[in-house]
Amino acid sequence: MEAAKFQIPNYVADIVALDKDEKIVLLVEVKATKLEGRDAKEEAISQLKSYLQNAKNTRFDLANETFAMFADLENIYIFKWDGKKFSDFLISQETANTLSYYDPDFSSKTILGFYLKTLVEAWLRDLAYHWKSETPPASEKLAEIGLLQKLEGGTTYSQVNFDGDTLR
């Protein structure tokens, strides 16, 4: 007799950013590996898409313009979501160039998953309310695509469950 094979859906986003009106403006997937090959990147994009499709299961609405980001040890990619599909990436930023501002030793030490998520969230919070800098890394690029304005005055949550009825 063959064992039944099934997959339990994983609807836990690494980071969610809300605007000042508490609407979801950004969903983030973080991988503490270098995403190599088309399959790995497609898997990360597919995961982000599942979060966006399940966002209705939270008490927060999606903003009119919603963005998605995935970050690995090499790059940070930002996309726009139109309700059905992602745009091509709007920004590709080297992770070390961005996050070294929050940990100057970023490039010279081993970075594990939880710490990478913490640094990405620190950067997003700095963009939202400038706790470390008036001009956080990549501010100009994010302003050009309209994301910076949406982040300002907002907040972030980590480990967000989209499979329930609340945002945790």
N, C-alpha and C. Protein backbone atom coordinates (compact mmCIF):
# COMPACT_ATOMS: atom_id res chain seq x y z
N MET A 1 0.84 -1.18 0.00
CA MET A 1 0.00 0.00 0.00
C MET A 1 0.88 1.24 0.00
N GLU A 2 0.58 2.17 -0.87
CA GLU A 2 1.38 3.38 -1.01
C GLU A 2 0.83 4.47 -0.09
N ALA A 3 1.74 5.17 0.58
CA ALA A 3 1.33 6.26 1.46
C ALA A 3 0.77 7.42 0.65
N ALA A 4 -0.24 8.04 1.19
CA ALA A 4 -0.83 9.20 0.52
C ALA A 4 0.16 10.35 0.56
N LYS A 5 0.26 11.05 -0.56
CA LYS A 5 1.15 12.19 -0.65
C LYS A 5 0.30 13.45 -0.78
N PHE A 6 0.54 14.38 0.09
CA PHE A 6 -0.14 15.65 -0.01
C PHE A 6 0.77 16.73 0.56
N GLN A 7 0.50 17.94 0.16
CA GLN A 7 1.31 19.06 0.61
C GLN A 7 0.44 20.02 1.40
N ILE A 8 0.91 20.37 2.58
CA ILE A 8 0.20 21.34 3.39
C ILE A 8 0.59 22.73 2.89
N PRO A 9 -0.38 23.56 2.53
CA PRO A 9 -0.03 24.89 2.03
C PRO A 9 0.69 25.71 3.09
N ASN A 10 1.64 26.49 2.64
CA ASN A 10 2.39 27.36 3.52
C ASN A 10 2.06 28.80 3.16
N TYR A 11 1.21 29.42 3.96
CA TYR A 11 0.80 30.79 3.70
C TYR A 11 1.35 31.73 4.76
N VAL A 12 2.60 31.55 5.13
CA VAL A 12 3.23 32.40 6.13
C VAL A 12 4.28 33.26 5.44
N ALA A 13 3.93 34.54 5.24
CA ALA A 13 4.85 35.48 4.60
C ALA A 13 5.93 35.88 5.60
N ASP A 14 7.14 36.05 5.11
CA ASP A 14 8.23 36.44 5.99
C ASP A 14 8.00 37.83 6.56
N ILE A 15 7.63 38.79 5.70
CA ILE A 15 7.41 40.17 6.14
C ILE A 15 6.25 40.75 5.32
N VAL A 16 5.42 41.53 5.99
CA VAL A 16 4.35 42.28 5.34
C VAL A 16 4.50 43.73 5.77
N ALA A 17 4.46 44.64 4.81
CA ALA A 17 4.50 46.07 5.12
C ALA A 17 3.13 46.68 4.86
N LEU A 18 2.67 47.46 5.82
CA LEU A 18 1.40 48.16 5.71
C LEU A 18 1.67 49.65 5.55
N ASP A 19 0.79 50.33 4.82
CA ASP A 19 0.91 51.78 4.71
C ASP A 19 0.29 52.42 5.96
N LYS A 20 0.28 53.74 6.00
CA LYS A 20 -0.24 54.44 7.18
C LYS A 20 -1.74 54.22 7.38
N ASP A 21 -2.44 53.76 6.32
CA ASP A 21 -3.86 53.45 6.42
C ASP A 21 -4.11 51.97 6.71
N GLU A 22 -3.06 51.26 7.06
CA GLU A 22 -3.09 49.83 7.38
C GLU A 22 -3.55 48.96 6.22
N LYS A 23 -3.14 49.33 5.02
CA LYS A 23 -3.37 48.48 3.85
C LYS A 23 -2.05 47.83 3.48
N ILE A 24 -2.14 46.61 3.00
CA ILE A 24 -0.93 45.87 2.62
C ILE A 24 -0.35 46.48 1.35
N VAL A 25 0.90 46.95 1.43
CA VAL A 25 1.56 47.53 0.26
C VAL A 25 2.72 46.68 -0.23
N LEU A 26 3.22 45.77 0.62
CA LEU A 26 4.38 44.98 0.24
C LEU A 26 4.39 43.65 0.97
N LEU A 27 4.59 42.57 0.21
CA LEU A 27 4.81 41.24 0.78
C LEU A 27 6.23 40.81 0.44
N VAL A 28 6.90 40.21 1.41
CA VAL A 28 8.32 39.89 1.25
C VAL A 28 8.58 38.43 1.56
N GLU A 29 9.34 37.79 0.69
CA GLU A 29 9.83 36.42 0.88
C GLU A 29 11.36 36.54 0.96
N VAL A 30 11.95 35.97 2.00
CA VAL A 30 13.39 36.04 2.23
C VAL A 30 13.97 34.63 2.25
N LYS A 31 15.04 34.43 1.51
CA LYS A 31 15.74 33.13 1.48
C LYS A 31 17.21 33.37 1.80
N ALA A 32 17.71 32.70 2.80
CA ALA A 32 19.12 32.88 3.20
C ALA A 32 20.04 31.99 2.38
N THR A 33 19.73 31.90 1.12
CA THR A 33 20.57 31.18 0.17
C THR A 33 20.66 32.07 -1.06
N LYS A 34 21.49 31.69 -1.95
CA LYS A 34 21.56 32.38 -3.23
C LYS A 34 20.58 31.67 -4.15
N LEU A 35 19.54 32.37 -4.60
CA LEU A 35 18.55 31.75 -5.47
C LEU A 35 19.15 31.61 -6.86
N GLU A 36 19.50 30.40 -7.18
CA GLU A 36 20.12 30.16 -8.48
C GLU A 36 19.15 29.44 -9.39
N GLY A 37 19.15 29.83 -10.61
CA GLY A 37 18.33 29.15 -11.60
C GLY A 37 16.92 29.66 -11.63
N ARG A 38 16.31 29.46 -12.74
CA ARG A 38 14.95 29.92 -12.97
C ARG A 38 13.96 29.25 -12.03
N ASP A 39 14.13 27.96 -11.74
CA ASP A 39 13.18 27.24 -10.90
C ASP A 39 13.11 27.81 -9.50
N ALA A 40 14.24 28.13 -8.89
CA ALA A 40 14.27 28.68 -7.54
C ALA A 40 13.57 30.03 -7.49
N LYS A 41 13.84 30.87 -8.47
CA LYS A 41 13.21 32.19 -8.49
C LYS A 41 11.71 32.06 -8.78
N GLU A 42 11.34 31.17 -9.67
CA GLU A 42 9.92 30.96 -9.96
C GLU A 42 9.18 30.44 -8.72
N GLU A 43 9.84 29.60 -7.94
CA GLU A 43 9.23 29.08 -6.71
C GLU A 43 8.98 30.22 -5.72
N ALA A 44 9.95 31.12 -5.58
CA ALA A 44 9.78 32.26 -4.68
C ALA A 44 8.65 33.16 -5.17
N ILE A 45 8.58 33.40 -6.47
CA ILE A 45 7.51 34.22 -7.03
C ILE A 45 6.16 33.54 -6.83
N SER A 46 6.11 32.23 -7.02
CA SER A 46 4.88 31.49 -6.81
C SER A 46 4.41 31.60 -5.35
N GLN A 47 5.35 31.56 -4.42
CA GLN A 47 5.02 31.69 -3.00
C GLN A 47 4.44 33.08 -2.73
N LEU A 48 5.06 34.11 -3.28
CA LEU A 48 4.55 35.47 -3.10
C LEU A 48 3.14 35.60 -3.69
N LYS A 49 2.93 34.97 -4.85
CA LYS A 49 1.61 35.03 -5.49
C LYS A 49 0.56 34.37 -4.59
N SER A 50 0.90 33.27 -3.95
CA SER A 50 -0.07 32.61 -3.06
C SER A 50 -0.41 33.50 -1.87
N TYR A 51 0.55 34.25 -1.36
CA TYR A 51 0.26 35.18 -0.26
C TYR A 51 -0.73 36.25 -0.72
N LEU A 52 -0.46 36.81 -1.89
CA LEU A 52 -1.33 37.87 -2.40
C LEU A 52 -2.74 37.36 -2.66
N GLN A 53 -2.84 36.15 -3.17
CA GLN A 53 -4.16 35.58 -3.44
C GLN A 53 -4.91 35.24 -2.16
N ASN A 54 -4.17 35.02 -1.07
CA ASN A 54 -4.80 34.69 0.21
C ASN A 54 -4.88 35.88 1.15
N ALA A 55 -4.48 37.05 0.69
CA ALA A 55 -4.52 38.24 1.54
C ALA A 55 -5.93 38.57 2.00
N LYS A 56 -6.92 38.12 1.25
CA LYS A 56 -8.31 38.36 1.65
C LYS A 56 -8.66 37.67 2.96
N ASN A 57 -7.81 36.73 3.39
CA ASN A 57 -8.05 36.02 4.65
C ASN A 57 -7.55 36.79 5.87
N THR A 58 -7.13 38.02 5.67
CA THR A 58 -6.67 38.83 6.80
C THR A 58 -7.64 39.98 7.02
N ARG A 59 -7.46 40.69 8.11
CA ARG A 59 -8.32 41.83 8.40
C ARG A 59 -7.87 43.07 7.65
N PHE A 60 -6.80 42.98 6.87
CA PHE A 60 -6.28 44.11 6.13
C PHE A 60 -6.55 43.95 4.64
N ASP A 61 -6.82 45.07 3.98
CA ASP A 61 -7.02 45.07 2.54
C ASP A 61 -5.69 45.30 1.84
N LEU A 62 -5.65 44.89 0.58
CA LEU A 62 -4.50 45.23 -0.24
C LEU A 62 -4.65 46.68 -0.69
N ALA A 63 -3.55 47.39 -0.74
CA ALA A 63 -3.56 48.75 -1.28
C ALA A 63 -3.85 48.68 -2.77
N ASN A 64 -4.23 49.82 -3.36
CA ASN A 64 -4.49 49.87 -4.80
C ASN A 64 -3.29 49.38 -5.59
N GLU A 65 -2.11 49.79 -5.19
CA GLU A 65 -0.88 49.29 -5.80
C GLU A 65 -0.14 48.47 -4.74
N THR A 66 0.04 47.21 -5.03
CA THR A 66 0.73 46.33 -4.10
C THR A 66 1.99 45.83 -4.76
N PHE A 67 3.03 45.72 -3.95
CA PHE A 67 4.33 45.28 -4.42
C PHE A 67 4.71 43.98 -3.72
N ALA A 68 5.64 43.27 -4.34
CA ALA A 68 6.19 42.06 -3.75
C ALA A 68 7.71 42.13 -3.86
N MET A 69 8.37 41.53 -2.90
CA MET A 69 9.83 41.53 -2.89
C MET A 69 10.31 40.15 -2.52
N PHE A 70 11.36 39.69 -3.20
CA PHE A 70 12.08 38.58 -2.62
C PHE A 70 13.54 38.94 -2.54
N ALA A 71 14.10 38.50 -1.42
CA ALA A 71 15.49 38.82 -1.12
C ALA A 71 16.23 37.53 -0.83
N ASP A 72 17.41 37.41 -1.41
CA ASP A 72 18.30 36.32 -1.05
C ASP A 72 19.63 36.95 -0.65
N LEU A 73 20.65 36.16 -0.48
CA LEU A 73 21.94 36.70 -0.04
C LEU A 73 22.62 37.54 -1.10
N GLU A 74 22.18 37.44 -2.34
CA GLU A 74 22.81 38.17 -3.42
C GLU A 74 22.03 39.41 -3.87
N ASN A 75 20.71 39.27 -4.04
CA ASN A 75 19.90 40.36 -4.60
C ASN A 75 18.57 40.52 -3.91
N ILE A 76 18.04 41.71 -4.05
CA ILE A 76 16.68 42.04 -3.62
C ILE A 76 15.94 42.45 -4.90
N TYR A 77 14.82 41.78 -5.17
CA TYR A 77 14.01 42.06 -6.35
C TYR A 77 12.66 42.59 -5.90
N ILE A 78 12.17 43.61 -6.58
CA ILE A 78 10.85 44.16 -6.27
C ILE A 78 10.01 44.16 -7.54
N PHE A 79 8.76 43.70 -7.37
CA PHE A 79 7.79 43.56 -8.46
C PHE A 79 6.52 44.32 -8.08
N LYS A 80 5.70 44.59 -9.05
CA LYS A 80 4.37 45.15 -8.80
C LYS A 80 3.35 44.06 -9.12
N TRP A 81 2.28 43.99 -8.35
CA TRP A 81 1.21 43.02 -8.49
C TRP A 81 -0.02 43.73 -9.06
N ASP A 82 -0.60 43.20 -10.13
CA ASP A 82 -1.77 43.85 -10.74
C ASP A 82 -3.08 43.17 -10.37
N GLY A 83 -3.02 42.26 -9.42
CA GLY A 83 -4.22 41.52 -9.02
C GLY A 83 -4.26 40.11 -9.58
N LYS A 84 -3.48 39.87 -10.64
CA LYS A 84 -3.43 38.55 -11.26
C LYS A 84 -2.01 38.06 -11.50
N LYS A 85 -1.12 39.00 -11.81
CA LYS A 85 0.25 38.59 -12.11
C LYS A 85 1.23 39.69 -11.71
N PHE A 86 2.48 39.31 -11.70
CA PHE A 86 3.56 40.25 -11.38
C PHE A 86 4.10 40.91 -12.64
N SER A 87 4.58 42.13 -12.45
CA SER A 87 5.34 42.79 -13.51
C SER A 87 6.71 42.13 -13.57
N ASP A 88 7.49 42.47 -14.58
CA ASP A 88 8.90 42.13 -14.52
C ASP A 88 9.47 42.88 -13.33
N PHE A 89 10.63 42.45 -12.84
CA PHE A 89 11.12 43.14 -11.66
C PHE A 89 11.40 44.60 -11.99
N LEU A 90 11.02 45.47 -11.05
CA LEU A 90 11.18 46.91 -11.21
C LEU A 90 12.52 47.37 -10.65
N ILE A 91 12.97 46.66 -9.63
CA ILE A 91 14.24 46.97 -8.99
C ILE A 91 14.98 45.68 -8.73
N SER A 92 16.26 45.70 -9.00
CA SER A 92 17.17 44.64 -8.59
C SER A 92 18.32 45.35 -7.88
N GLN A 93 18.43 45.10 -6.60
CA GLN A 93 19.40 45.79 -5.75
C GLN A 93 20.28 44.74 -5.08
N GLU A 94 21.58 44.95 -5.06
CA GLU A 94 22.46 44.00 -4.38
C GLU A 94 22.16 44.02 -2.88
N THR A 95 21.94 42.85 -2.33
CA THR A 95 21.59 42.72 -0.92
C THR A 95 22.66 43.32 -0.02
N ALA A 96 23.92 42.99 -0.28
CA ALA A 96 25.00 43.49 0.56
C ALA A 96 25.06 45.02 0.54
N ASN A 97 24.88 45.64 -0.62
CA ASN A 97 24.90 47.10 -0.70
C ASN A 97 23.79 47.73 0.13
N THR A 98 22.67 47.06 0.20
CA THR A 98 21.52 47.59 0.93
C THR A 98 21.65 47.33 2.43
N LEU A 99 21.95 46.10 2.80
CA LEU A 99 21.89 45.72 4.21
C LEU A 99 23.17 45.97 4.99
N SER A 100 24.28 46.23 4.31
CA SER A 100 25.53 46.56 5.00
C SER A 100 25.40 47.84 5.81
N TYR A 101 24.45 48.66 5.46
CA TYR A 101 24.19 49.89 6.21
C TYR A 101 23.74 49.56 7.63
N TYR A 102 23.06 48.41 7.80
CA TYR A 102 22.53 48.00 9.09
C TYR A 102 23.45 47.02 9.81
N ASP A 103 24.34 46.38 9.07
CA ASP A 103 25.38 45.52 9.63
C ASP A 103 26.60 45.65 8.73
N PRO A 104 27.57 46.48 9.12
CA PRO A 104 28.74 46.72 8.28
C PRO A 104 29.54 45.45 7.96
N ASP A 105 29.38 44.40 8.75
CA ASP A 105 30.10 43.14 8.51
C ASP A 105 29.30 42.16 7.67
N PHE A 106 28.20 42.61 7.08
CA PHE A 106 27.30 41.74 6.33
C PHE A 106 28.04 40.86 5.32
N SER A 107 28.94 41.44 4.56
CA SER A 107 29.62 40.71 3.48
C SER A 107 30.71 39.77 3.97
N SER A 108 31.11 39.91 5.21
CA SER A 108 32.26 39.12 5.69
C SER A 108 31.89 38.04 6.69
N LYS A 109 30.60 37.79 6.89
CA LYS A 109 30.22 36.75 7.85
C LYS A 109 29.07 35.91 7.30
N THR A 110 28.84 34.80 7.95
CA THR A 110 27.74 33.92 7.57
C THR A 110 26.43 34.54 8.02
N ILE A 111 25.48 34.62 7.10
CA ILE A 111 24.17 35.19 7.39
C ILE A 111 23.14 34.06 7.31
N LEU A 112 22.45 33.84 8.42
CA LEU A 112 21.41 32.81 8.48
C LEU A 112 20.04 33.44 8.23
N GLY A 113 19.06 32.60 7.99
CA GLY A 113 17.74 33.04 7.58
C GLY A 113 17.08 34.06 8.48
N PHE A 114 17.01 33.78 9.77
CA PHE A 114 16.32 34.69 10.68
C PHE A 114 17.00 36.05 10.70
N TYR A 115 18.33 36.06 10.67
CA TYR A 115 19.07 37.32 10.71
C TYR A 115 18.87 38.11 9.42
N LEU A 116 18.85 37.42 8.29
CA LEU A 116 18.60 38.11 7.02
C LEU A 116 17.21 38.75 7.02
N LYS A 117 16.21 38.03 7.52
CA LYS A 117 14.86 38.60 7.63
C LYS A 117 14.86 39.82 8.54
N THR A 118 15.58 39.73 9.65
CA THR A 118 15.66 40.85 10.58
C THR A 118 16.27 42.08 9.93
N LEU A 119 17.34 41.90 9.15
CA LEU A 119 17.97 43.02 8.47
C LEU A 119 17.06 43.63 7.41
N VAL A 120 16.36 42.78 6.65
CA VAL A 120 15.43 43.29 5.63
C VAL A 120 14.32 44.09 6.31
N GLU A 121 13.80 43.57 7.42
CA GLU A 121 12.74 44.29 8.12
C GLU A 121 13.26 45.60 8.72
N ALA A 122 14.50 45.60 9.22
CA ALA A 122 15.10 46.85 9.73
C ALA A 122 15.16 47.90 8.62
N TRP A 123 15.57 47.47 7.44
CA TRP A 123 15.64 48.39 6.31
C TRP A 123 14.25 48.94 5.97
N LEU A 124 13.24 48.06 5.92
CA LEU A 124 11.88 48.50 5.60
C LEU A 124 11.35 49.47 6.65
N ARG A 125 11.66 49.21 7.91
CA ARG A 125 11.22 50.12 8.98
C ARG A 125 11.95 51.45 8.89
N ASP A 126 13.21 51.42 8.49
CA ASP A 126 13.94 52.66 8.30
C ASP A 126 13.32 53.47 7.16
N LEU A 127 12.91 52.80 6.11
CA LEU A 127 12.22 53.47 5.01
C LEU A 127 10.89 54.07 5.48
N ALA A 128 10.21 53.38 6.40
CA ALA A 128 8.90 53.81 6.88
C ALA A 128 8.98 55.00 7.82
N TYR A 129 9.92 54.95 8.78
CA TYR A 129 9.94 56.05 9.75
C TYR A 129 11.34 56.52 10.12
N HIS A 130 12.32 56.24 9.29
CA HIS A 130 13.65 56.84 9.37
C HIS A 130 14.28 56.74 10.77
N TRP A 131 14.29 55.56 11.33
CA TRP A 131 14.88 55.38 12.66
C TRP A 131 16.41 55.47 12.63
N LYS A 132 17.02 55.20 11.47
CA LYS A 132 18.47 55.23 11.39
C LYS A 132 18.97 56.32 10.44
N SER A 133 18.22 56.61 9.41
CA SER A 133 18.71 57.54 8.39
C SER A 133 17.56 58.32 7.77
N GLU A 134 17.84 59.56 7.40
CA GLU A 134 16.86 60.33 6.64
C GLU A 134 16.72 59.80 5.22
N THR A 135 17.79 59.18 4.71
CA THR A 135 17.78 58.63 3.36
C THR A 135 18.32 57.20 3.39
N PRO A 136 17.47 56.23 3.76
CA PRO A 136 17.92 54.84 3.80
C PRO A 136 18.36 54.35 2.42
N PRO A 137 19.13 53.27 2.38
CA PRO A 137 19.59 52.71 1.10
C PRO A 137 18.43 52.46 0.13
N ALA A 138 18.67 52.78 -1.14
CA ALA A 138 17.73 52.56 -2.25
C ALA A 138 16.47 53.42 -2.18
N SER A 139 16.46 54.44 -1.33
CA SER A 139 15.28 55.32 -1.22
C SER A 139 14.88 55.91 -2.57
N GLU A 140 15.87 56.38 -3.32
CA GLU A 140 15.55 57.02 -4.61
C GLU A 140 14.90 56.03 -5.57
N LYS A 141 15.44 54.82 -5.63
CA LYS A 141 14.86 53.81 -6.53
C LYS A 141 13.43 53.47 -6.12
N LEU A 142 13.20 53.33 -4.81
CA LEU A 142 11.87 52.99 -4.33
C LEU A 142 10.89 54.15 -4.56
N ALA A 143 11.37 55.38 -4.45
CA ALA A 143 10.52 56.54 -4.72
C ALA A 143 10.12 56.57 -6.20
N GLU A 144 11.04 56.22 -7.09
CA GLU A 144 10.75 56.23 -8.53
C GLU A 144 9.60 55.30 -8.91
N ILE A 145 9.49 54.17 -8.22
CA ILE A 145 8.42 53.22 -8.54
C ILE A 145 7.17 53.43 -7.68
N GLY A 146 7.22 54.37 -6.74
CA GLY A 146 6.07 54.68 -5.90
C GLY A 146 5.97 53.88 -4.62
N LEU A 147 6.94 53.05 -4.33
CA LEU A 147 6.86 52.23 -3.12
C LEU A 147 7.28 53.01 -1.87
N LEU A 148 8.28 53.84 -1.97
CA LEU A 148 8.74 54.58 -0.79
C LEU A 148 7.60 55.39 -0.17
N GLN A 149 6.83 56.07 -0.99
CA GLN A 149 5.73 56.89 -0.51
C GLN A 149 4.70 56.03 0.23
N LYS A 150 4.50 54.82 -0.23
CA LYS A 150 3.54 53.92 0.40
C LYS A 150 4.05 53.39 1.74
N LEU A 151 5.37 53.19 1.85
CA LEU A 151 5.96 52.68 3.09
C LEU A 151 6.02 53.73 4.19
N GLU A 152 6.20 54.99 3.80
CA GLU A 152 6.38 56.06 4.79
C GLU A 152 5.18 56.17 5.73
N GLY A 153 5.48 56.15 7.02
CA GLY A 153 4.45 56.24 8.05
C GLY A 153 3.76 54.92 8.33
N GLY A 154 4.15 53.85 7.64
CA GLY A 154 3.53 52.55 7.84
C GLY A 154 4.27 51.71 8.87
N THR A 155 4.05 50.43 8.82
CA THR A 155 4.69 49.51 9.75
C THR A 155 4.92 48.17 9.07
N THR A 156 5.60 47.27 9.76
CA THR A 156 5.85 45.93 9.23
C THR A 156 5.45 44.88 10.26
N TYR A 157 5.15 43.71 9.74
CA TYR A 157 4.92 42.53 10.56
C TYR A 157 5.77 41.41 9.98
N SER A 158 6.24 40.52 10.85
CA SER A 158 6.98 39.36 10.34
C SER A 158 6.22 38.08 10.66
N GLN A 159 6.53 37.04 9.87
CA GLN A 159 5.89 35.74 10.01
C GLN A 159 4.36 35.87 10.01
N VAL A 160 3.82 36.37 8.92
CA VAL A 160 2.40 36.66 8.80
C VAL A 160 1.65 35.47 8.23
N ASN A 161 0.64 35.01 8.94
CA ASN A 161 -0.16 33.87 8.51
C ASN A 161 -1.32 34.33 7.64
N PHE A 162 -1.32 33.92 6.39
CA PHE A 162 -2.41 34.26 5.48
C PHE A 162 -3.41 33.12 5.35
N ASP A 163 -3.29 32.12 6.20
CA ASP A 163 -4.17 30.97 6.12
C ASP A 163 -5.23 31.02 7.22
N GLY A 164 -5.28 32.12 7.93
CA GLY A 164 -6.26 32.27 8.99
C GLY A 164 -7.06 33.53 8.77
N ASP A 165 -7.75 33.96 9.80
CA ASP A 165 -8.58 35.15 9.60
C ASP A 165 -7.97 36.42 10.19
N THR A 166 -6.73 36.35 10.64
CA THR A 166 -6.09 37.55 11.16
C THR A 166 -4.67 37.65 10.67
N LEU A 167 -4.18 38.85 10.71
CA LEU A 167 -2.77 39.11 10.41
C LEU A 167 -2.05 39.09 11.74
N ARG A 168 -1.06 38.21 11.85
CA ARG A 168 -0.35 38.11 13.13
C ARG A 168 0.98 38.76 13.04
